[in-house]
Amino acid sequence: MSEVGQRGVEPPRRPQRADARRNYDALLTAAHDAFADVGASATLEDIARRAGVGIGTLYRHFPTRQALFETVYVHEVEALCRSAADVADLAPWDALVAWLHRFAAYMATKRAVVEELARDSELLISCRTAIQAAGAPLLDRAQASGEARPDLEFDDVLRLVMGITLIQPSDPAQVERLLGLAIDGMRPRAAG
């Protein structure tokens, strides 16, 4: 069962036949790209075209637009949660910073999907819980090592990063610069 599925929301099952699995994976990739490029207004026909399949194939895997949105969202939350394990062997501060950069990249493409889902839906609550469970231990480790401010709360860190990713600057490097400034502010203050 998936990370998010363990918390009560199970995305549609991935097909077993090799060709159906390829189509399913192609549709998820195409939907992710379409939502990132066009936003919530991406059409199902465009997603099917990008995946190289017919609209009927899309509907066989995802009977509703909502099912497609939810599956894309859960798939990406699971990848973000797995990425916490990918950085866990790094030094505590480096692990936290690496994961926060991944979280920022994840958030940059989520606006369109989140707009389509109910803000307090069971799915979003489940996903937030999974993200908390994956990222909070990284902050705890950085705080225990003395490399992160002891007064930080994980929710505050997530909100700060989310706020930065919502900025739509004319220079995309500005988001990265602001993220760097915010992360630097998470370091303990010098005495005196």
Foldseek 3Di string as FASTA:
>chain_A
DFQLVVVPDDAQDQDDDPVLNLLVVLLLVLVLVQCLVPFLPRDLCSSCVSSVHHSVSVCVRPVDPLSSLLVSVSVLLRVLLVVLVVLVPPQLLVSLLVSLVVLLVSLLSCPRSCVPDDVPDSSNVSSVVSNCVRRVVSVVRCVVVLFFAPPDDPVVSSVLSNVLSVDDDPDPVVSVVSSVVVSVVRGDDDDD
